[in-house]
Structures are given as structure tokens and as C-alpha cells.
Amino acid sequence: FLYYVPYVTLAVMTFPAIVEATESPLAGL
């Protein structure tokens, strides 16, 4: 569990930002 915590935290912060950083969420997806 402790080994994967940094990767999960990074993914949880990064993926929504990728989708929401564009004009259209579909473009980000």
C-alpha cells in the first residue's frame, strides 16, 4: 500500500487537470 501511494496521489492530481485544462473536456480526454 505505501509503495503505491505516491503514484496514486500523482494520478489523482494530474488526470483531472489534464481533462479540465482544455476548452472542451472531450479534447482533454
PDB file of all heavy atoms in Angstrom:
ATOM      1  N   PHE A   1       0.827  -1.202   0.000  1.00  0.00           N
ATOM      2  CA  PHE A   1       0.000   0.000   0.000  1.00  0.00           C
ATOM      3  C   PHE A   1       0.864   1.257   0.000  1.00  0.00           C
ATOM      4  O   PHE A   1       0.652   2.181  -0.784  1.00  0.00           O
ATOM      5  CB  PHE A   1      -0.933  -0.012   1.213  1.00  0.00           C
ATOM      6  CG  PHE A   1      -1.681   1.265   1.422  1.00  0.00           C
ATOM      7  CD1 PHE A   1      -2.777   1.572   0.644  1.00  0.00           C
ATOM      8  CD2 PHE A   1      -1.276   2.164   2.394  1.00  0.00           C
ATOM      9  CE1 PHE A   1      -3.464   2.763   0.827  1.00  0.00           C
ATOM     10  CE2 PHE A   1      -1.958   3.350   2.592  1.00  0.00           C
ATOM     11  CZ  PHE A   1      -3.050   3.648   1.799  1.00  0.00           C
ATOM     12  N   LEU A   2       1.856   1.323   0.866  1.00  0.00           N
ATOM     13  CA  LEU A   2       2.712   2.500   0.971  1.00  0.00           C
ATOM     14  C   LEU A   2       3.573   2.697  -0.273  1.00  0.00           C
ATOM     15  O   LEU A   2       3.941   3.820  -0.604  1.00  0.00           O
ATOM     16  CB  LEU A   2       3.597   2.403   2.216  1.00  0.00           C
ATOM     17  CG  LEU A   2       2.853   2.510   3.540  1.00  0.00           C
ATOM     18  CD1 LEU A   2       3.807   2.246   4.695  1.00  0.00           C
ATOM     19  CD2 LEU A   2       2.171   3.853   3.681  1.00  0.00           C
ATOM     20  N   TYR A   3       3.890   1.609  -0.976  1.00  0.00           N
ATOM     21  CA  TYR A   3       4.684   1.715  -2.196  1.00  0.00           C
ATOM     22  C   TYR A   3       3.909   2.465  -3.288  1.00  0.00           C
ATOM     23  O   TYR A   3       4.479   3.266  -4.028  1.00  0.00           O
ATOM     24  CB  TYR A   3       5.068   0.327  -2.687  1.00  0.00           C
ATOM     25  CG  TYR A   3       5.843   0.329  -3.973  1.00  0.00           C
ATOM     26  CD1 TYR A   3       7.203   0.623  -3.992  1.00  0.00           C
ATOM     27  CD2 TYR A   3       5.212   0.062  -5.182  1.00  0.00           C
ATOM     28  CE1 TYR A   3       7.912   0.643  -5.175  1.00  0.00           C
ATOM     29  CE2 TYR A   3       5.909   0.077  -6.369  1.00  0.00           C
ATOM     30  CZ  TYR A   3       7.254   0.362  -6.365  1.00  0.00           C
ATOM     31  OH  TYR A   3       7.949   0.395  -7.542  1.00  0.00           O
ATOM     32  N   TYR A   4       2.608   2.208  -3.390  1.00  0.00           N
ATOM     33  CA  TYR A   4       1.814   2.791  -4.466  1.00  0.00           C
ATOM     34  C   TYR A   4       1.186   4.143  -4.132  1.00  0.00           C
ATOM     35  O   TYR A   4       0.620   4.788  -5.013  1.00  0.00           O
ATOM     36  CB  TYR A   4       0.718   1.815  -4.899  1.00  0.00           C
ATOM     37  CG  TYR A   4       1.277   0.638  -5.641  1.00  0.00           C
ATOM     38  CD1 TYR A   4       1.304  -0.623  -5.059  1.00  0.00           C
ATOM     39  CD2 TYR A   4       1.812   0.781  -6.911  1.00  0.00           C
ATOM     40  CE1 TYR A   4       1.834  -1.708  -5.743  1.00  0.00           C
ATOM     41  CE2 TYR A   4       2.344  -0.285  -7.599  1.00  0.00           C
ATOM     42  CZ  TYR A   4       2.348  -1.531  -7.006  1.00  0.00           C
ATOM     43  OH  TYR A   4       2.881  -2.597  -7.675  1.00  0.00           O
ATOM     44  N   VAL A   5       1.262   4.606  -2.911  1.00  0.00           N
ATOM     45  CA  VAL A   5       0.644   5.878  -2.520  1.00  0.00           C
ATOM     46  C   VAL A   5       1.141   7.055  -3.366  1.00  0.00           C
ATOM     47  O   VAL A   5       0.328   7.844  -3.859  1.00  0.00           O
ATOM     48  CB  VAL A   5       0.816   6.142  -1.013  1.00  0.00           C
ATOM     49  CG1 VAL A   5       0.514   7.589  -0.651  1.00  0.00           C
ATOM     50  CG2 VAL A   5      -0.074   5.215  -0.218  1.00  0.00           C
ATOM     51  N   PRO A   6       2.448   7.238  -3.605  1.00  0.00           N
ATOM     52  CA  PRO A   6       2.867   8.400  -4.414  1.00  0.00           C
ATOM     53  C   PRO A   6       2.316   8.369  -5.833  1.00  0.00           C
ATOM     54  O   PRO A   6       1.929   9.406  -6.371  1.00  0.00           O
ATOM     55  CB  PRO A   6       4.397   8.295  -4.432  1.00  0.00           C
ATOM     56  CG  PRO A   6       4.749   7.455  -3.268  1.00  0.00           C
ATOM     57  CD  PRO A   6       3.605   6.513  -3.071  1.00  0.00           C
ATOM     58  N   TYR A   7       2.240   7.193  -6.447  1.00  0.00           N
ATOM     59  CA  TYR A   7       1.742   7.096  -7.814  1.00  0.00           C
ATOM     60  C   TYR A   7       0.252   7.419  -7.889  1.00  0.00           C
ATOM     61  O   TYR A   7      -0.201   8.120  -8.787  1.00  0.00           O
ATOM     62  CB  TYR A   7       2.005   5.702  -8.385  1.00  0.00           C
ATOM     63  CG  TYR A   7       3.460   5.335  -8.360  1.00  0.00           C
ATOM     64  CD1 TYR A   7       3.937   4.356  -7.501  1.00  0.00           C
ATOM     65  CD2 TYR A   7       4.372   5.994  -9.181  1.00  0.00           C
ATOM     66  CE1 TYR A   7       5.278   4.028  -7.468  1.00  0.00           C
ATOM     67  CE2 TYR A   7       5.713   5.671  -9.148  1.00  0.00           C
ATOM     68  CZ  TYR A   7       6.161   4.683  -8.293  1.00  0.00           C
ATOM     69  OH  TYR A   7       7.487   4.367  -8.260  1.00  0.00           O
ATOM     70  N   VAL A   8      -0.489   6.927  -6.935  1.00  0.00           N
ATOM     71  CA  VAL A   8      -1.929   7.190  -6.909  1.00  0.00           C
ATOM     72  C   VAL A   8      -2.190   8.667  -6.651  1.00  0.00           C
ATOM     73  O   VAL A   8      -3.055   9.286  -7.290  1.00  0.00           O
ATOM     74  CB  VAL A   8      -2.615   6.309  -5.849  1.00  0.00           C
ATOM     75  CG1 VAL A   8      -4.055   6.717  -5.643  1.00  0.00           C
ATOM     76  CG2 VAL A   8      -2.528   4.851  -6.239  1.00  0.00           C
ATOM     77  N   THR A   9      -1.439   9.256  -5.748  1.00  0.00           N
ATOM     78  CA  THR A   9      -1.613  10.673  -5.446  1.00  0.00           C
ATOM     79  C   THR A   9      -1.312  11.527  -6.666  1.00  0.00           C
ATOM     80  O   THR A   9      -2.061  12.457  -6.988  1.00  0.00           O
ATOM     81  CB  THR A   9      -0.700  11.082  -4.279  1.00  0.00           C
ATOM     82  OG1 THR A   9      -0.961  10.226  -3.167  1.00  0.00           O
ATOM     83  CG2 THR A   9      -0.919  12.521  -3.879  1.00  0.00           C
ATOM     84  N   LEU A  10      -0.254  11.209  -7.367  1.00  0.00           N
ATOM     85  CA  LEU A  10       0.090  11.938  -8.583  1.00  0.00           C
ATOM     86  C   LEU A  10      -0.994  11.779  -9.643  1.00  0.00           C
ATOM     87  O   LEU A  10      -1.384  12.753 -10.293  1.00  0.00           O
ATOM     88  CB  LEU A  10       1.438  11.459  -9.123  1.00  0.00           C
ATOM     89  CG  LEU A  10       1.946  12.154 -10.374  1.00  0.00           C
ATOM     90  CD1 LEU A  10       2.184  13.635 -10.092  1.00  0.00           C
ATOM     91  CD2 LEU A  10       3.217  11.496 -10.859  1.00  0.00           C
ATOM     92  N   ALA A  11      -1.505  10.573  -9.797  1.00  0.00           N
ATOM     93  CA  ALA A  11      -2.558  10.341 -10.789  1.00  0.00           C
ATOM     94  C   ALA A  11      -3.832  11.098 -10.434  1.00  0.00           C
ATOM     95  O   ALA A  11      -4.469  11.693 -11.310  1.00  0.00           O
ATOM     96  CB  ALA A  11      -2.844   8.846 -10.891  1.00  0.00           C
ATOM     97  N   VAL A  12      -4.196  11.106  -9.168  1.00  0.00           N
ATOM     98  CA  VAL A  12      -5.417  11.787  -8.741  1.00  0.00           C
ATOM     99  C   VAL A  12      -5.305  13.300  -8.961  1.00  0.00           C
ATOM    100  O   VAL A  12      -6.295  13.959  -9.274  1.00  0.00           O
ATOM    101  CB  VAL A  12      -5.715  11.474  -7.256  1.00  0.00           C
ATOM    102  CG1 VAL A  12      -6.747  12.397  -6.672  1.00  0.00           C
ATOM    103  CG2 VAL A  12      -6.157  10.033  -7.121  1.00  0.00           C
ATOM    104  N   MET A  13      -4.119  13.847  -8.833  1.00  0.00           N
ATOM    105  CA  MET A  13      -3.950  15.280  -9.063  1.00  0.00           C
ATOM    106  C   MET A  13      -3.798  15.610 -10.543  1.00  0.00           C
ATOM    107  O   MET A  13      -4.211  16.681 -10.991  1.00  0.00           O
ATOM    108  CB  MET A  13      -2.720  15.794  -8.307  1.00  0.00           C
ATOM    109  CG  MET A  13      -2.874  15.779  -6.817  1.00  0.00           C
ATOM    110  SD  MET A  13      -1.506  16.552  -5.940  1.00  0.00           S
ATOM    111  CE  MET A  13      -0.081  15.718  -6.578  1.00  0.00           C
ATOM    112  N   THR A  14      -3.207  14.718 -11.335  1.00  0.00           N
ATOM    113  CA  THR A  14      -2.879  15.013 -12.720  1.00  0.00           C
ATOM    114  C   THR A  14      -4.038  14.785 -13.681  1.00  0.00           C
ATOM    115  O   THR A  14      -4.312  15.625 -14.533  1.00  0.00           O
ATOM    116  CB  THR A  14      -1.672  14.164 -13.159  1.00  0.00           C
ATOM    117  OG1 THR A  14      -0.597  14.410 -12.264  1.00  0.00           O
ATOM    118  CG2 THR A  14      -1.244  14.509 -14.563  1.00  0.00           C
ATOM    119  N   PHE A  15      -4.715  13.655 -13.585  1.00  0.00           N
ATOM    120  CA  PHE A  15      -5.729  13.316 -14.580  1.00  0.00           C
ATOM    121  C   PHE A  15      -6.872  14.328 -14.660  1.00  0.00           C
ATOM    122  O   PHE A  15      -7.249  14.728 -15.764  1.00  0.00           O
ATOM    123  CB  PHE A  15      -6.249  11.900 -14.373  1.00  0.00           C
ATOM    124  CG  PHE A  15      -5.227  10.846 -14.659  1.00  0.00           C
ATOM    125  CD1 PHE A  15      -5.235   9.662 -13.966  1.00  0.00           C
ATOM    126  CD2 PHE A  15      -4.244  11.033 -15.613  1.00  0.00           C
ATOM    127  CE1 PHE A  15      -4.288   8.676 -14.217  1.00  0.00           C
ATOM    128  CE2 PHE A  15      -3.294  10.063 -15.879  1.00  0.00           C
ATOM    129  CZ  PHE A  15      -3.314   8.882 -15.173  1.00  0.00           C
ATOM    130  N   PRO A  16      -7.435  14.783 -13.552  1.00  0.00           N
ATOM    131  CA  PRO A  16      -8.480  15.814 -13.686  1.00  0.00           C
ATOM    132  C   PRO A  16      -7.943  17.115 -14.299  1.00  0.00           C
ATOM    133  O   PRO A  16      -8.646  17.782 -15.057  1.00  0.00           O
ATOM    134  CB  PRO A  16      -8.954  16.049 -12.255  1.00  0.00           C
ATOM    135  CG  PRO A  16      -8.592  14.823 -11.523  1.00  0.00           C
ATOM    136  CD  PRO A  16      -7.344  14.322 -12.163  1.00  0.00           C
ATOM    137  N   ALA A  17      -6.715  17.465 -13.984  1.00  0.00           N
ATOM    138  CA  ALA A  17      -6.133  18.691 -14.536  1.00  0.00           C
ATOM    139  C   ALA A  17      -5.958  18.580 -16.047  1.00  0.00           C
ATOM    140  O   ALA A  17      -6.147  19.565 -16.772  1.00  0.00           O
ATOM    141  CB  ALA A  17      -4.794  18.984 -13.873  1.00  0.00           C
ATOM    142  N   ILE A  18      -5.617  17.402 -16.535  1.00  0.00           N
ATOM    143  CA  ILE A  18      -5.468  17.205 -17.981  1.00  0.00           C
ATOM    144  C   ILE A  18      -6.805  17.418 -18.677  1.00  0.00           C
ATOM    145  O   ILE A  18      -6.891  18.085 -19.703  1.00  0.00           O
ATOM    146  CB  ILE A  18      -4.916  15.795 -18.282  1.00  0.00           C
ATOM    147  CG1 ILE A  18      -3.465  15.687 -17.829  1.00  0.00           C
ATOM    148  CG2 ILE A  18      -5.026  15.478 -19.769  1.00  0.00           C
ATOM    149  CD1 ILE A  18      -2.911  14.285 -17.879  1.00  0.00           C
ATOM    150  N   VAL A  19      -7.856  16.863 -18.134  1.00  0.00           N
ATOM    151  CA  VAL A  19      -9.172  16.950 -18.764  1.00  0.00           C
ATOM    152  C   VAL A  19      -9.738  18.366 -18.667  1.00  0.00           C
ATOM    153  O   VAL A  19     -10.368  18.854 -19.601  1.00  0.00           O
ATOM    154  CB  VAL A  19     -10.133  15.918 -18.136  1.00  0.00           C
ATOM    155  CG1 VAL A  19     -11.529  16.068 -18.666  1.00  0.00           C
ATOM    156  CG2 VAL A  19      -9.622  14.506 -18.380  1.00  0.00           C
ATOM    157  N   GLU A  20      -9.505  19.048 -17.561  1.00  0.00           N
ATOM    158  CA  GLU A  20     -10.092  20.367 -17.351  1.00  0.00           C
ATOM    159  C   GLU A  20      -9.239  21.517 -17.888  1.00  0.00           C
ATOM    160  O   GLU A  20      -9.679  22.666 -17.856  1.00  0.00           O
ATOM    161  CB  GLU A  20     -10.345  20.578 -15.858  1.00  0.00           C
ATOM    162  CG  GLU A  20     -11.390  19.631 -15.304  1.00  0.00           C
ATOM    163  CD  GLU A  20     -11.542  19.736 -13.804  1.00  0.00           C
ATOM    164  OE1 GLU A  20     -10.846  20.572 -13.202  1.00  0.00           O
ATOM    165  OE2 GLU A  20     -12.348  18.977 -13.255  1.00  0.00           O
ATOM    166  N   ALA A  21      -8.049  21.252 -18.393  1.00  0.00           N
ATOM    167  CA  ALA A  21      -7.162  22.322 -18.851  1.00  0.00           C
ATOM    168  C   ALA A  21      -7.483  22.799 -20.262  1.00  0.00           C
ATOM    169  O   ALA A  21      -6.888  23.758 -20.734  1.00  0.00           O
ATOM    170  CB  ALA A  21      -5.710  21.860 -18.786  1.00  0.00           C
ATOM    171  N   THR A  22      -8.397  22.149 -20.935  1.00  0.00           N
ATOM    172  CA  THR A  22      -8.717  22.495 -22.313  1.00  0.00           C
ATOM    173  C   THR A  22     -10.084  23.177 -22.374  1.00  0.00           C
ATOM    174  O   THR A  22     -10.837  23.190 -21.407  1.00  0.00           O
ATOM    175  CB  THR A  22      -8.736  21.224 -23.181  1.00  0.00           C
ATOM    176  OG1 THR A  22      -9.702  20.316 -22.651  1.00  0.00           O
ATOM    177  CG2 THR A  22      -7.372  20.556 -23.178  1.00  0.00           C
ATOM    178  N   GLU A  23     -10.396  23.727 -23.542  1.00  0.00           N
ATOM    179  CA  GLU A  23     -11.699  24.362 -23.736  1.00  0.00           C
ATOM    180  C   GLU A  23     -12.824  23.336 -23.626  1.00  0.00           C
ATOM    181  O   GLU A  23     -13.868  23.603 -23.086  1.00  0.00           O
ATOM    182  CB  GLU A  23     -11.756  25.035 -25.117  1.00  0.00           C
ATOM    183  CG  GLU A  23     -10.876  26.243 -25.239  1.00  0.00           C
ATOM    184  CD  GLU A  23     -11.404  27.418 -24.456  1.00  0.00           C
ATOM    185  OE1 GLU A  23     -12.633  27.585 -24.378  1.00  0.00           O
ATOM    186  OE2 GLU A  23     -10.575  28.161 -23.907  1.00  0.00           O
ATOM    187  N   SER A  24     -12.571  22.155 -24.175  1.00  0.00           N
ATOM    188  CA  SER A  24     -13.569  21.090 -24.148  1.00  0.00           C
ATOM    189  C   SER A  24     -13.005  19.908 -23.356  1.00  0.00           C
ATOM    190  O   SER A  24     -11.896  19.438 -23.649  1.00  0.00           O
ATOM    191  CB  SER A  24     -13.883  20.642 -25.583  1.00  0.00           C
ATOM    192  OG  SER A  24     -14.602  19.441 -25.582  1.00  0.00           O
ATOM    193  N   PRO A  25     -13.733  19.421 -22.372  1.00  0.00           N
ATOM    194  CA  PRO A  25     -13.244  18.251 -21.640  1.00  0.00           C
ATOM    195  C   PRO A  25     -13.021  17.030 -22.545  1.00  0.00           C
ATOM    196  O   PRO A  25     -12.154  16.211 -22.278  1.00  0.00           O
ATOM    197  CB  PRO A  25     -14.347  17.968 -20.619  1.00  0.00           C
ATOM    198  CG  PRO A  25     -15.045  19.260 -20.452  1.00  0.00           C
ATOM    199  CD  PRO A  25     -14.964  19.953 -21.776  1.00  0.00           C
ATOM    200  N   LEU A  26     -13.774  16.949 -23.627  1.00  0.00           N
ATOM    201  CA  LEU A  26     -13.591  15.843 -24.569  1.00  0.00           C
ATOM    202  C   LEU A  26     -12.212  15.911 -25.224  1.00  0.00           C
ATOM    203  O   LEU A  26     -11.566  14.881 -25.423  1.00  0.00           O
ATOM    204  CB  LEU A  26     -14.691  15.860 -25.629  1.00  0.00           C
ATOM    205  CG  LEU A  26     -14.641  14.738 -26.661  1.00  0.00           C
ATOM    206  CD1 LEU A  26     -14.733  13.372 -25.979  1.00  0.00           C
ATOM    207  CD2 LEU A  26     -15.735  14.903 -27.682  1.00  0.00           C
ATOM    208  N   ALA A  27     -11.742  17.112 -25.544  1.00  0.00           N
ATOM    209  CA  ALA A  27     -10.407  17.275 -26.127  1.00  0.00           C
ATOM    210  C   ALA A  27      -9.331  16.818 -25.141  1.00  0.00           C
ATOM    211  O   ALA A  27      -8.366  16.144 -25.516  1.00  0.00           O
ATOM    212  CB  ALA A  27     -10.173  18.724 -26.536  1.00  0.00           C
ATOM    213  N   GLY A  28      -9.503  17.166 -23.876  1.00  0.00           N
ATOM    214  CA  GLY A  28      -8.548  16.713 -22.861  1.00  0.00           C
ATOM    215  C   GLY A  28      -8.572  15.210 -22.686  1.00  0.00           C
ATOM    216  O   GLY A  28      -7.531  14.572 -22.533  1.00  0.00           O
ATOM    217  N   LEU A  29      -9.762  14.638 -22.726  1.00  0.00           N
ATOM    218  CA  LEU A  29      -9.885  13.183 -22.599  1.00  0.00           C
ATOM    219  C   LEU A  29      -9.251  12.464 -23.793  1.00  0.00           C
ATOM    220  O   LEU A  29      -8.561  11.459 -23.619  1.00  0.00           O
ATOM    221  CB  LEU A  29     -11.353  12.795 -22.459  1.00  0.00           C
ATOM    222  CG  LEU A  29     -11.645  11.327 -22.196  1.00  0.00           C
ATOM    223  CD1 LEU A  29     -11.022  10.889 -20.876  1.00  0.00           C
ATOM    224  CD2 LEU A  29     -13.135  11.076 -22.179  1.00  0.00           C
TER     225      LEU A  29
END
